[in-house]
N, C-alpha and C. Protein backbone atom coordinates (compact mmCIF):
# COMPACT_ATOMS: atom_id res chain seq x y z
N UNK A 1 14.01 1.18 11.75
CA UNK A 1 13.29 1.71 10.60
C UNK A 1 12.06 2.45 11.11
N UNK A 2 11.84 3.63 10.58
CA UNK A 2 10.67 4.43 10.95
C UNK A 2 9.45 3.96 10.17
N UNK A 3 8.33 3.86 10.87
CA UNK A 3 7.08 3.46 10.24
C UNK A 3 6.18 4.69 10.18
N UNK A 4 5.67 5.01 8.99
CA UNK A 4 4.81 6.18 8.88
C UNK A 4 3.43 5.89 9.49
N UNK A 5 2.68 6.93 9.69
CA UNK A 5 1.40 6.82 10.40
C UNK A 5 0.39 5.95 9.66
N UNK A 6 0.37 6.00 8.34
CA UNK A 6 -0.60 5.20 7.60
C UNK A 6 -0.29 3.70 7.73
N UNK A 7 0.98 3.34 7.74
CA UNK A 7 1.35 1.93 7.94
C UNK A 7 1.01 1.50 9.36
N UNK A 8 1.22 2.37 10.31
CA UNK A 8 0.86 2.08 11.70
C UNK A 8 -0.64 1.84 11.83
N UNK A 9 -1.43 2.63 11.13
CA UNK A 9 -2.88 2.46 11.14
C UNK A 9 -3.26 1.13 10.49
N UNK A 10 -2.56 0.76 9.42
CA UNK A 10 -2.81 -0.52 8.76
C UNK A 10 -2.54 -1.67 9.74
N UNK A 11 -1.47 -1.57 10.49
CA UNK A 11 -1.17 -2.61 11.48
C UNK A 11 -2.26 -2.71 12.54
N UNK A 12 -2.81 -1.59 12.94
CA UNK A 12 -3.89 -1.61 13.93
C UNK A 12 -5.14 -2.28 13.38
N UNK A 13 -5.38 -2.11 12.09
CA UNK A 13 -6.55 -2.72 11.47
C UNK A 13 -6.34 -4.20 11.13
N UNK A 14 -5.08 -4.63 11.05
CA UNK A 14 -4.75 -6.01 10.71
C UNK A 14 -3.77 -6.56 11.76
N UNK A 15 -4.27 -6.88 12.95
CA UNK A 15 -3.37 -7.29 14.04
C UNK A 15 -2.66 -8.62 13.81
N UNK A 16 -3.06 -9.39 12.81
CA UNK A 16 -2.35 -10.65 12.53
C UNK A 16 -0.88 -10.39 12.21
N UNK A 17 -0.60 -9.19 11.68
CA UNK A 17 0.78 -8.87 11.33
C UNK A 17 1.67 -8.72 12.56
N UNK A 18 1.11 -8.34 13.70
CA UNK A 18 1.90 -8.27 14.93
C UNK A 18 2.46 -9.65 15.25
N UNK A 19 1.60 -10.66 15.16
CA UNK A 19 2.02 -12.03 15.45
C UNK A 19 3.06 -12.51 14.43
N UNK A 20 2.79 -12.26 13.16
CA UNK A 20 3.71 -12.69 12.11
C UNK A 20 5.07 -12.03 12.28
N UNK A 21 5.08 -10.72 12.49
CA UNK A 21 6.35 -9.99 12.59
C UNK A 21 7.10 -10.30 13.87
N UNK A 22 6.38 -10.61 14.95
CA UNK A 22 7.08 -10.95 16.18
C UNK A 22 7.81 -12.27 16.06
N UNK A 23 7.26 -13.20 15.25
CA UNK A 23 7.91 -14.50 15.06
C UNK A 23 8.87 -14.51 13.88
N UNK A 24 8.53 -13.76 12.85
CA UNK A 24 9.33 -13.75 11.62
C UNK A 24 9.56 -12.31 11.17
N UNK A 25 10.51 -11.62 11.76
CA UNK A 25 10.74 -10.22 11.38
C UNK A 25 11.17 -10.05 9.93
N UNK A 26 11.66 -11.10 9.31
CA UNK A 26 12.06 -11.03 7.90
C UNK A 26 10.86 -10.89 6.98
N UNK A 27 9.65 -11.03 7.51
CA UNK A 27 8.42 -10.89 6.72
C UNK A 27 7.98 -9.42 6.57
N UNK A 28 8.78 -8.48 7.06
CA UNK A 28 8.43 -7.07 6.96
C UNK A 28 8.21 -6.63 5.51
N UNK A 29 9.04 -7.06 4.55
CA UNK A 29 8.76 -6.69 3.15
C UNK A 29 7.41 -7.22 2.66
N UNK A 30 6.98 -8.38 3.15
CA UNK A 30 5.67 -8.91 2.77
C UNK A 30 4.57 -8.02 3.32
N UNK A 31 4.76 -7.51 4.52
CA UNK A 31 3.79 -6.57 5.10
C UNK A 31 3.69 -5.32 4.24
N UNK A 32 4.82 -4.77 3.86
CA UNK A 32 4.84 -3.56 3.03
C UNK A 32 4.14 -3.82 1.70
N UNK A 33 4.41 -4.97 1.09
CA UNK A 33 3.79 -5.30 -0.20
C UNK A 33 2.28 -5.43 -0.05
N UNK A 34 1.82 -6.11 0.99
CA UNK A 34 0.38 -6.27 1.22
C UNK A 34 -0.27 -4.91 1.49
N UNK A 35 0.40 -4.07 2.24
CA UNK A 35 -0.08 -2.71 2.53
C UNK A 35 -0.25 -1.92 1.23
N UNK A 36 0.73 -2.00 0.36
CA UNK A 36 0.66 -1.26 -0.90
C UNK A 36 -0.46 -1.79 -1.80
N UNK A 37 -0.65 -3.10 -1.83
CA UNK A 37 -1.71 -3.68 -2.65
C UNK A 37 -3.08 -3.24 -2.15
N UNK A 38 -3.30 -3.33 -0.85
CA UNK A 38 -4.61 -2.99 -0.30
C UNK A 38 -4.92 -1.50 -0.37
N UNK A 39 -3.88 -0.67 -0.37
CA UNK A 39 -4.10 0.78 -0.43
C UNK A 39 -3.87 1.35 -1.82
N UNK A 40 -3.78 0.46 -2.80
CA UNK A 40 -3.62 0.84 -4.21
C UNK A 40 -2.44 1.80 -4.40
N UNK A 41 -1.29 1.38 -3.92
CA UNK A 41 -0.08 2.18 -4.01
C UNK A 41 0.99 1.50 -4.86
N UNK A 42 0.62 0.46 -5.60
CA UNK A 42 1.60 -0.24 -6.42
C UNK A 42 1.87 0.55 -7.70
N UNK A 43 2.89 0.15 -8.42
CA UNK A 43 3.25 0.82 -9.66
C UNK A 43 2.11 0.74 -10.68
N UNK A 44 1.49 -0.42 -10.76
CA UNK A 44 0.37 -0.60 -11.71
C UNK A 44 -0.80 0.33 -11.36
N UNK A 45 -1.06 0.51 -10.07
CA UNK A 45 -2.14 1.41 -9.65
C UNK A 45 -1.82 2.86 -10.02
N UNK A 46 -0.56 3.23 -9.90
CA UNK A 46 -0.16 4.59 -10.27
C UNK A 46 -0.34 4.83 -11.76
N UNK A 47 0.03 3.85 -12.55
CA UNK A 47 -0.13 3.97 -14.00
C UNK A 47 -1.61 4.07 -14.36
N UNK A 48 -2.43 3.29 -13.68
CA UNK A 48 -3.87 3.34 -13.93
C UNK A 48 -4.44 4.71 -13.59
N UNK A 49 -3.98 5.30 -12.49
CA UNK A 49 -4.46 6.65 -12.13
C UNK A 49 -4.05 7.68 -13.17
N UNK A 50 -2.83 7.58 -13.68
CA UNK A 50 -2.37 8.51 -14.71
C UNK A 50 -3.21 8.35 -15.97
N UNK A 51 -3.51 7.10 -16.33
CA UNK A 51 -4.35 6.86 -17.50
C UNK A 51 -5.74 7.46 -17.33
N UNK A 52 -6.30 7.32 -16.14
CA UNK A 52 -7.62 7.90 -15.86
C UNK A 52 -7.57 9.42 -15.95
N UNK A 53 -6.51 10.02 -15.42
CA UNK A 53 -6.37 11.48 -15.50
C UNK A 53 -6.25 11.93 -16.95
N UNK A 54 -5.49 11.18 -17.76
CA UNK A 54 -5.35 11.54 -19.15
C UNK A 54 -6.67 11.42 -19.89
N UNK A 55 -7.47 10.42 -19.58
CA UNK A 55 -8.78 10.28 -20.20
C UNK A 55 -9.68 11.45 -19.82
N UNK A 56 -9.64 11.88 -18.57
CA UNK A 56 -10.46 13.01 -18.13
C UNK A 56 -10.01 14.28 -18.84
N UNK A 57 -8.71 14.48 -18.98
CA UNK A 57 -8.19 15.66 -19.70
C UNK A 57 -8.64 15.63 -21.15
N UNK A 58 -8.59 14.47 -21.76
CA UNK A 58 -9.01 14.33 -23.16
C UNK A 58 -10.48 14.67 -23.32
N UNK A 59 -11.30 14.28 -22.38
CA UNK A 59 -12.73 14.58 -22.45
C UNK A 59 -12.98 16.09 -22.27
N UNK A 60 -12.15 16.74 -21.46
CA UNK A 60 -12.33 18.17 -21.23
C UNK A 60 -11.90 19.00 -22.44
N UNK A 61 -10.94 18.51 -23.18
CA UNK A 61 -10.42 19.29 -24.33
C UNK A 61 -11.09 18.94 -25.58
């Protein structure tokens, strides 16, 4: 599986994941989930951004 550069950078900033993944490779989905939560990339975060954009558009019009 290819890891993008931002995930690679996250791993460098959180080296505990090297230890976890070396012992339990099945924890990779947990790493991805934690990465998305910390970088505000979850579905709920996307909806919140859209809501904020709509509020800004409403204020402009």
